[in-house]
Structures are given as structure tokens and as C-alpha cells.
Amino acid sequence: MPTGIFKDRGTAVMLTHLMEVGVRAIHEDSSGNAGASIATYAALCGLPCRIYAPADAPRAKLVQIAAAGAEIRAVPGSREAVGEDARAATDESFYASHNWQPYFIEGTKTLAYELWEQLGFRASESFEAGKARVGTAPARGQRPNPGARGTRTRGPGAPTRSRDMPGADPMRRRTRRAGA
């Protein structure tokens, strides 16, 4: 996770998909972490990126977004106003919302699978991960291999191995192309 933000998982999967379907420029509304993650991955993928953020967003988050090269549009008012402005800008670029795009949510699920693997392919009785649970909750109880043996999943993930999907690693591809 290059930015150190949990949302990098969802961002990687979402932007890989958007590039595959030909999206050429994106925007997002964020008060911080998602914007920083999306701005960083967009820069690595060569996608122009604009982040709509609350005018009173934490300065450190805005600096991180700007450092990735994204344009920041500060929106006065509520967080809802920020989202409204971003949704109204769909004629300018693709709205790559971390709240609305299903590929983002699918990408966040990979944390649950990774934790399950790290627990020796056994479900935990309980799991606490703060905000990270947003990504693990949808994965609970999913069994990608219906014939798999094992206990019923009650904890952090589903009985499957975590692995990179083909083409779901824009950072590695971009780094290779740059000769790093």
C-alpha cells in the first residue's frame, strides 16, 4: 500500500478497471484518505485527477493529494456539498467515487482474504479493525469456491487465498514501464 492508506486496495482495483474500459480522466470527492489514495494511483497510471474536498479539510491531507499531482477543488460548506459538486462534474471527467464504484468495494475486500490467510486459513471468533472493517464486512461469509471444505466463516474473511488479479497492479506495471 504505497500511501499507507487502507483505501489503496480499493483504489488499485477500481482504477485498473477504469483504465481497462478506457477512462481517460477522473475526479473524486474526499475529505482526505480516499482522495490521497486515488490521486497517488492516478498519477502512477498517468490519469489526470481532480479531487473535490471540503474547504476545511485537514491541511496534511490536502498536501498529500497535491503532492501526487491532483488538482484540488476546495468546496465551502458541508461534506454533502462536496459530493454534490463532484456528481455535477461528470461532463468534465469520470466520477471515480470510492463510495459509489463497485470495483472499489471489491478491492477493499482483499484485506479480509489476506487476514484469513495470515490466520492460517481459519476464521477468527472476532475481528476488530476500525475503519478497515468497511472492506472486510462485505467479504464475510463469501465463499468463492463453493466446494471448499472448512468451517463457516465468522470472522475477518472468506475461505479463499488472497492473490493479485491479472492486471490489478497498476503500480507495479507503471514502475516497470518507467524502468525502476
C-alpha atoms as a PDB file:
ATOM      1  CA  MET A   1       0.000   0.000   0.000  1.00  0.00           C
ATOM      2  CA  PRO A   2       2.083   2.903  -1.273  1.00  0.00           C
ATOM      3  CA  THR A   3       0.275   5.693   0.572  1.00  0.00           C
ATOM      4  CA  GLY A   4      -0.158   3.680   3.758  1.00  0.00           C
ATOM      5  CA  ILE A   5      -3.903   4.147   3.418  1.00  0.00           C
ATOM      6  CA  PHE A   6      -6.210   1.148   3.650  1.00  0.00           C
ATOM      7  CA  LYS A   7      -8.185   2.507   0.697  1.00  0.00           C
ATOM      8  CA  ASP A   8      -5.268   1.765  -1.665  1.00  0.00           C
ATOM      9  CA  ARG A   9      -6.685  -1.737  -2.056  1.00  0.00           C
ATOM     10  CA  GLY A  10      -9.976  -0.474  -3.455  1.00  0.00           C
ATOM     11  CA  THR A  11      -8.276   2.245  -5.472  1.00  0.00           C
ATOM     12  CA  ALA A  12      -5.974  -0.222  -7.246  1.00  0.00           C
ATOM     13  CA  VAL A  13      -8.836  -2.461  -8.346  1.00  0.00           C
ATOM     14  CA  MET A  14     -11.111   0.444  -9.321  1.00  0.00           C
ATOM     15  CA  LEU A  15      -8.513   2.343 -11.365  1.00  0.00           C
ATOM     16  CA  THR A  16      -7.322  -0.819 -13.085  1.00  0.00           C
ATOM     17  CA  HIS A  17     -10.891  -1.452 -14.204  1.00  0.00           C
ATOM     18  CA  LEU A  18     -11.451   2.152 -15.272  1.00  0.00           C
ATOM     19  CA  MET A  19      -8.288   2.096 -17.366  1.00  0.00           C
ATOM     20  CA  GLU A  20      -9.353  -1.196 -18.949  1.00  0.00           C
ATOM     21  CA  VAL A  21     -12.650   0.349 -20.071  1.00  0.00           C
ATOM     22  CA  GLY A  22     -10.945   3.453 -21.459  1.00  0.00           C
ATOM     23  CA  VAL A  23     -11.499   6.146 -18.844  1.00  0.00           C
ATOM     24  CA  ARG A  24      -9.039   8.980 -19.512  1.00  0.00           C
ATOM     25  CA  ALA A  25      -9.584  11.423 -16.626  1.00  0.00           C
ATOM     26  CA  ILE A  26     -11.169  11.051 -13.193  1.00  0.00           C
ATOM     27  CA  HIS A  27     -12.462  13.023 -10.257  1.00  0.00           C
ATOM     28  CA  GLU A  28     -13.462  12.098  -6.725  1.00  0.00           C
ATOM     29  CA  ASP A  29     -14.910  13.749  -3.648  1.00  0.00           C
ATOM     30  CA  SER A  30     -12.992  13.167  -0.448  1.00  0.00           C
ATOM     31  CA  SER A  31     -12.159  14.744   2.847  1.00  0.00           C
ATOM     32  CA  GLY A  32      -8.764  13.079   2.867  1.00  0.00           C
ATOM     33  CA  ASN A  33      -7.663   9.456   2.678  1.00  0.00           C
ATOM     34  CA  ALA A  34      -9.587   8.305  -0.378  1.00  0.00           C
ATOM     35  CA  GLY A  35      -8.553  11.431  -2.244  1.00  0.00           C
ATOM     36  CA  ALA A  36      -4.888  10.879  -1.384  1.00  0.00           C
ATOM     37  CA  SER A  37      -5.066   7.233  -2.443  1.00  0.00           C
ATOM     38  CA  ILE A  38      -6.863   7.941  -5.710  1.00  0.00           C
ATOM     39  CA  ALA A  39      -4.609  10.908  -6.535  1.00  0.00           C
ATOM     40  CA  THR A  40      -1.492   8.790  -5.986  1.00  0.00           C
ATOM     41  CA  TYR A  41      -2.664   5.848  -8.083  1.00  0.00           C
ATOM     42  CA  ALA A  42      -3.996   8.150 -10.802  1.00  0.00           C
ATOM     43  CA  ALA A  43      -0.575   9.795 -11.061  1.00  0.00           C
ATOM     44  CA  LEU A  44       1.087   6.390 -11.349  1.00  0.00           C
ATOM     45  CA  CYS A  45      -1.404   5.392 -14.043  1.00  0.00           C
ATOM     46  CA  GLY A  46      -0.996   8.659 -15.943  1.00  0.00           C
ATOM     47  CA  LEU A  47      -4.629   9.676 -15.403  1.00  0.00           C
ATOM     48  CA  PRO A  48      -5.480  13.343 -14.849  1.00  0.00           C
ATOM     49  CA  CYS A  49      -7.200  13.575 -11.476  1.00  0.00           C
ATOM     50  CA  ARG A  50      -9.245  16.206  -9.691  1.00  0.00           C
ATOM     51  CA  ILE A  51     -10.256  15.876  -6.044  1.00  0.00           C
ATOM     52  CA  TYR A  52     -13.206  17.796  -4.630  1.00  0.00           C
ATOM     53  CA  ALA A  53     -12.551  18.405  -0.949  1.00  0.00           C
ATOM     54  CA  PRO A  54     -14.137  20.368   1.870  1.00  0.00           C
ATOM     55  CA  ALA A  55     -12.556  23.808   2.155  1.00  0.00           C
ATOM     56  CA  ASP A  56     -11.834  22.990   5.801  1.00  0.00           C
ATOM     57  CA  ALA A  57     -10.287  19.557   5.136  1.00  0.00           C
ATOM     58  CA  PRO A  58      -7.131  18.770   7.138  1.00  0.00           C
ATOM     59  CA  ARG A  59      -4.173  20.563   5.554  1.00  0.00           C
ATOM     60  CA  ALA A  60      -1.982  17.438   5.734  1.00  0.00           C
ATOM     61  CA  LYS A  61      -4.479  15.511   3.593  1.00  0.00           C
ATOM     62  CA  LEU A  62      -4.664  18.296   1.011  1.00  0.00           C
ATOM     63  CA  VAL A  63      -0.863  18.449   0.865  1.00  0.00           C
ATOM     64  CA  GLN A  64      -0.725  14.690   0.250  1.00  0.00           C
ATOM     65  CA  ILE A  65      -3.311  14.984  -2.548  1.00  0.00           C
ATOM     66  CA  ALA A  66      -1.476  17.921  -4.133  1.00  0.00           C
ATOM     67  CA  ALA A  67       1.892  16.159  -3.845  1.00  0.00           C
ATOM     68  CA  ALA A  68       0.503  13.387  -6.036  1.00  0.00           C
ATOM     69  CA  GLY A  69      -0.250  15.970  -8.700  1.00  0.00           C
ATOM     70  CA  ALA A  70      -4.031  16.070  -8.462  1.00  0.00           C
ATOM     71  CA  GLU A  71      -5.987  19.261  -8.906  1.00  0.00           C
ATOM     72  CA  ILE A  72      -7.859  20.168  -5.716  1.00  0.00           C
ATOM     73  CA  ARG A  73     -11.196  21.942  -5.814  1.00  0.00           C
ATOM     74  CA  ALA A  74     -11.985  23.208  -2.335  1.00  0.00           C
ATOM     75  CA  VAL A  75     -15.722  23.378  -1.732  1.00  0.00           C
ATOM     76  CA  PRO A  76     -17.133  25.576   1.031  1.00  0.00           C
ATOM     77  CA  GLY A  77     -19.919  24.179   3.152  1.00  0.00           C
ATOM     78  CA  SER A  78     -20.874  20.687   4.181  1.00  0.00           C
ATOM     79  CA  ARG A  79     -19.435  17.326   3.144  1.00  0.00           C
ATOM     80  CA  GLU A  80     -22.691  16.799   1.261  1.00  0.00           C
ATOM     81  CA  ALA A  81     -21.989  19.947  -0.776  1.00  0.00           C
ATOM     82  CA  VAL A  82     -18.629  18.482  -1.782  1.00  0.00           C
ATOM     83  CA  GLY A  83     -20.330  15.323  -3.042  1.00  0.00           C
ATOM     84  CA  GLU A  84     -22.935  17.327  -4.921  1.00  0.00           C
ATOM     85  CA  ASP A  85     -20.254  19.352  -6.721  1.00  0.00           C
ATOM     86  CA  ALA A  86     -18.392  16.174  -7.678  1.00  0.00           C
ATOM     87  CA  ARG A  87     -21.534  14.485  -9.005  1.00  0.00           C
ATOM     88  CA  ALA A  88     -22.332  17.611 -11.028  1.00  0.00           C
ATOM     89  CA  ALA A  89     -18.929  17.442 -12.767  1.00  0.00           C
ATOM     90  CA  THR A  90     -19.497  14.229 -14.704  1.00  0.00           C
ATOM     91  CA  ASP A  91     -19.375  16.128 -18.010  1.00  0.00           C
ATOM     92  CA  GLU A  92     -15.736  17.061 -17.228  1.00  0.00           C
ATOM     93  CA  SER A  93     -14.345  13.652 -16.231  1.00  0.00           C
ATOM     94  CA  PHE A  94     -15.352  10.263 -14.848  1.00  0.00           C
ATOM     95  CA  TYR A  95     -16.628  10.282 -11.257  1.00  0.00           C
ATOM     96  CA  ALA A  96     -14.400   7.658  -9.617  1.00  0.00           C
ATOM     97  CA  SER A  97     -16.209   7.634  -6.304  1.00  0.00           C
ATOM     98  CA  HIS A  98     -14.908   5.389  -3.555  1.00  0.00           C
ATOM     99  CA  ASN A  99     -18.464   5.314  -2.204  1.00  0.00           C
ATOM    100  CA  TRP A 100     -20.265   4.517  -5.467  1.00  0.00           C
ATOM    101  CA  GLN A 101     -17.940   2.387  -7.584  1.00  0.00           C
ATOM    102  CA  PRO A 102     -18.404  -1.361  -7.015  1.00  0.00           C
ATOM    103  CA  TYR A 103     -14.826  -2.148  -8.053  1.00  0.00           C
ATOM    104  CA  PHE A 104     -13.567  -0.012  -5.176  1.00  0.00           C
ATOM    105  CA  ILE A 105     -15.634  -2.000  -2.690  1.00  0.00           C
ATOM    106  CA  GLU A 106     -14.470  -5.290  -4.225  1.00  0.00           C
ATOM    107  CA  GLY A 107     -10.873  -4.179  -3.854  1.00  0.00           C
ATOM    108  CA  THR A 108     -11.266  -3.394  -0.167  1.00  0.00           C
ATOM    109  CA  LYS A 109     -12.417  -6.953   0.431  1.00  0.00           C
ATOM    110  CA  THR A 110      -8.931  -8.219  -0.256  1.00  0.00           C
ATOM    111  CA  LEU A 111      -7.956  -7.248   3.289  1.00  0.00           C
ATOM    112  CA  ALA A 112     -10.358  -9.846   4.659  1.00  0.00           C
ATOM    113  CA  TYR A 113      -8.868 -12.541   2.452  1.00  0.00           C
ATOM    114  CA  GLU A 114      -5.313 -11.572   3.389  1.00  0.00           C
ATOM    115  CA  LEU A 115      -6.107 -11.639   7.101  1.00  0.00           C
ATOM    116  CA  TRP A 116      -7.801 -15.015   6.729  1.00  0.00           C
ATOM    117  CA  GLU A 117      -4.673 -16.360   5.054  1.00  0.00           C
ATOM    118  CA  GLN A 118      -2.446 -14.884   7.771  1.00  0.00           C
ATOM    119  CA  LEU A 119      -4.603 -16.601  10.393  1.00  0.00           C
ATOM    120  CA  GLY A 120      -3.688 -19.966   8.897  1.00  0.00           C
ATOM    121  CA  PHE A 121      -6.867 -20.221   6.773  1.00  0.00           C
ATOM    122  CA  ARG A 122      -9.020 -20.314   9.892  1.00  0.00           C
ATOM    123  CA  ALA A 123     -11.758 -17.897  10.764  1.00  0.00           C
ATOM    124  CA  SER A 124     -11.331 -15.791  13.830  1.00  0.00           C
ATOM    125  CA  GLU A 125     -14.012 -15.667  16.509  1.00  0.00           C
ATOM    126  CA  SER A 126     -13.821 -11.889  16.469  1.00  0.00           C
ATOM    127  CA  PHE A 127     -12.208  -9.162  14.465  1.00  0.00           C
ATOM    128  CA  GLU A 128     -11.586  -5.507  15.172  1.00  0.00           C
ATOM    129  CA  ALA A 129     -10.028  -3.245  12.585  1.00  0.00           C
ATOM    130  CA  GLY A 130     -11.509   0.212  12.994  1.00  0.00           C
ATOM    131  CA  LYS A 131     -12.266   1.766   9.617  1.00  0.00           C
ATOM    132  CA  ALA A 132     -10.797  -1.243   7.826  1.00  0.00           C
ATOM    133  CA  ARG A 133     -13.915  -3.214   8.697  1.00  0.00           C
ATOM    134  CA  VAL A 134     -15.639  -1.350   5.876  1.00  0.00           C
ATOM    135  CA  GLY A 135     -13.745  -3.586   3.491  1.00  0.00           C
ATOM    136  CA  THR A 136     -13.960  -6.779   5.446  1.00  0.00           C
ATOM    137  CA  ALA A 137     -17.666  -6.738   6.246  1.00  0.00           C
ATOM    138  CA  PRO A 138     -18.814  -7.335   2.645  1.00  0.00           C
ATOM    139  CA  ALA A 139     -16.409 -10.261   2.316  1.00  0.00           C
ATOM    140  CA  ARG A 140     -17.656 -12.111   5.368  1.00  0.00           C
ATOM    141  CA  GLY A 141     -19.419 -15.281   4.524  1.00  0.00           C
ATOM    142  CA  GLN A 142     -18.467 -15.216   0.855  1.00  0.00           C
ATOM    143  CA  ARG A 143     -17.082 -18.476  -0.367  1.00  0.00           C
ATOM    144  CA  PRO A 144     -15.634 -18.026  -3.877  1.00  0.00           C
ATOM    145  CA  ASN A 145     -15.069 -21.782  -4.089  1.00  0.00           C
ATOM    146  CA  PRO A 146     -18.444 -23.278  -3.071  1.00  0.00           C
ATOM    147  CA  GLY A 147     -16.943 -26.754  -2.789  1.00  0.00           C
ATOM    148  CA  ALA A 148     -14.220 -25.675  -0.359  1.00  0.00           C
ATOM    149  CA  ARG A 149     -14.047 -27.520   2.931  1.00  0.00           C
ATOM    150  CA  GLY A 150     -13.700 -25.712   6.194  1.00  0.00           C
ATOM    151  CA  THR A 151     -15.574 -24.046   8.949  1.00  0.00           C
ATOM    152  CA  ARG A 152     -18.239 -21.497   8.373  1.00  0.00           C
ATOM    153  CA  THR A 153     -16.690 -18.041   8.146  1.00  0.00           C
ATOM    154  CA  ARG A 154     -17.455 -15.943  11.201  1.00  0.00           C
ATOM    155  CA  GLY A 155     -14.506 -13.611  11.300  1.00  0.00           C
ATOM    156  CA  PRO A 156     -12.381 -11.445   9.080  1.00  0.00           C
ATOM    157  CA  GLY A 157     -12.714 -13.122   5.742  1.00  0.00           C
ATOM    158  CA  ALA A 158     -13.868 -15.800   3.411  1.00  0.00           C
ATOM    159  CA  PRO A 159     -12.100 -19.095   2.742  1.00  0.00           C
ATOM    160  CA  THR A 160     -10.023 -18.176  -0.273  1.00  0.00           C
ATOM    161  CA  ARG A 161      -6.414 -17.292  -0.985  1.00  0.00           C
ATOM    162  CA  SER A 162      -5.533 -13.665  -1.472  1.00  0.00           C
ATOM    163  CA  ARG A 163      -3.730 -13.074  -4.732  1.00  0.00           C
ATOM    164  CA  ASP A 164      -3.314 -10.353  -7.305  1.00  0.00           C
ATOM    165  CA  MET A 165      -5.863 -10.486 -10.078  1.00  0.00           C
ATOM    166  CA  PRO A 166      -4.407 -10.225 -13.591  1.00  0.00           C
ATOM    167  CA  GLY A 167      -3.914  -6.549 -14.374  1.00  0.00           C
ATOM    168  CA  ALA A 168      -4.882  -5.357 -10.888  1.00  0.00           C
ATOM    169  CA  ASP A 169      -1.492  -3.951 -10.051  1.00  0.00           C
ATOM    170  CA  PRO A 170      -1.136  -0.582 -11.819  1.00  0.00           C
ATOM    171  CA  MET A 171       1.715   0.467  -9.503  1.00  0.00           C
ATOM    172  CA  ARG A 172       3.946  -2.459 -10.463  1.00  0.00           C
ATOM    173  CA  ARG A 173       3.173  -2.087 -14.186  1.00  0.00           C
ATOM    174  CA  ARG A 174       3.861   1.640 -14.122  1.00  0.00           C
ATOM    175  CA  THR A 175       7.129   1.144 -12.230  1.00  0.00           C
ATOM    176  CA  ARG A 176       8.287  -1.492 -14.727  1.00  0.00           C
ATOM    177  CA  ARG A 177       7.486   0.790 -17.670  1.00  0.00           C
ATOM    178  CA  ALA A 178       9.476   3.597 -16.036  1.00  0.00           C
ATOM    179  CA  GLY A 179      12.472   1.280 -15.697  1.00  0.00           C
ATOM    180  CA  ALA A 180      12.565   1.399 -11.913  1.00  0.00           C
END
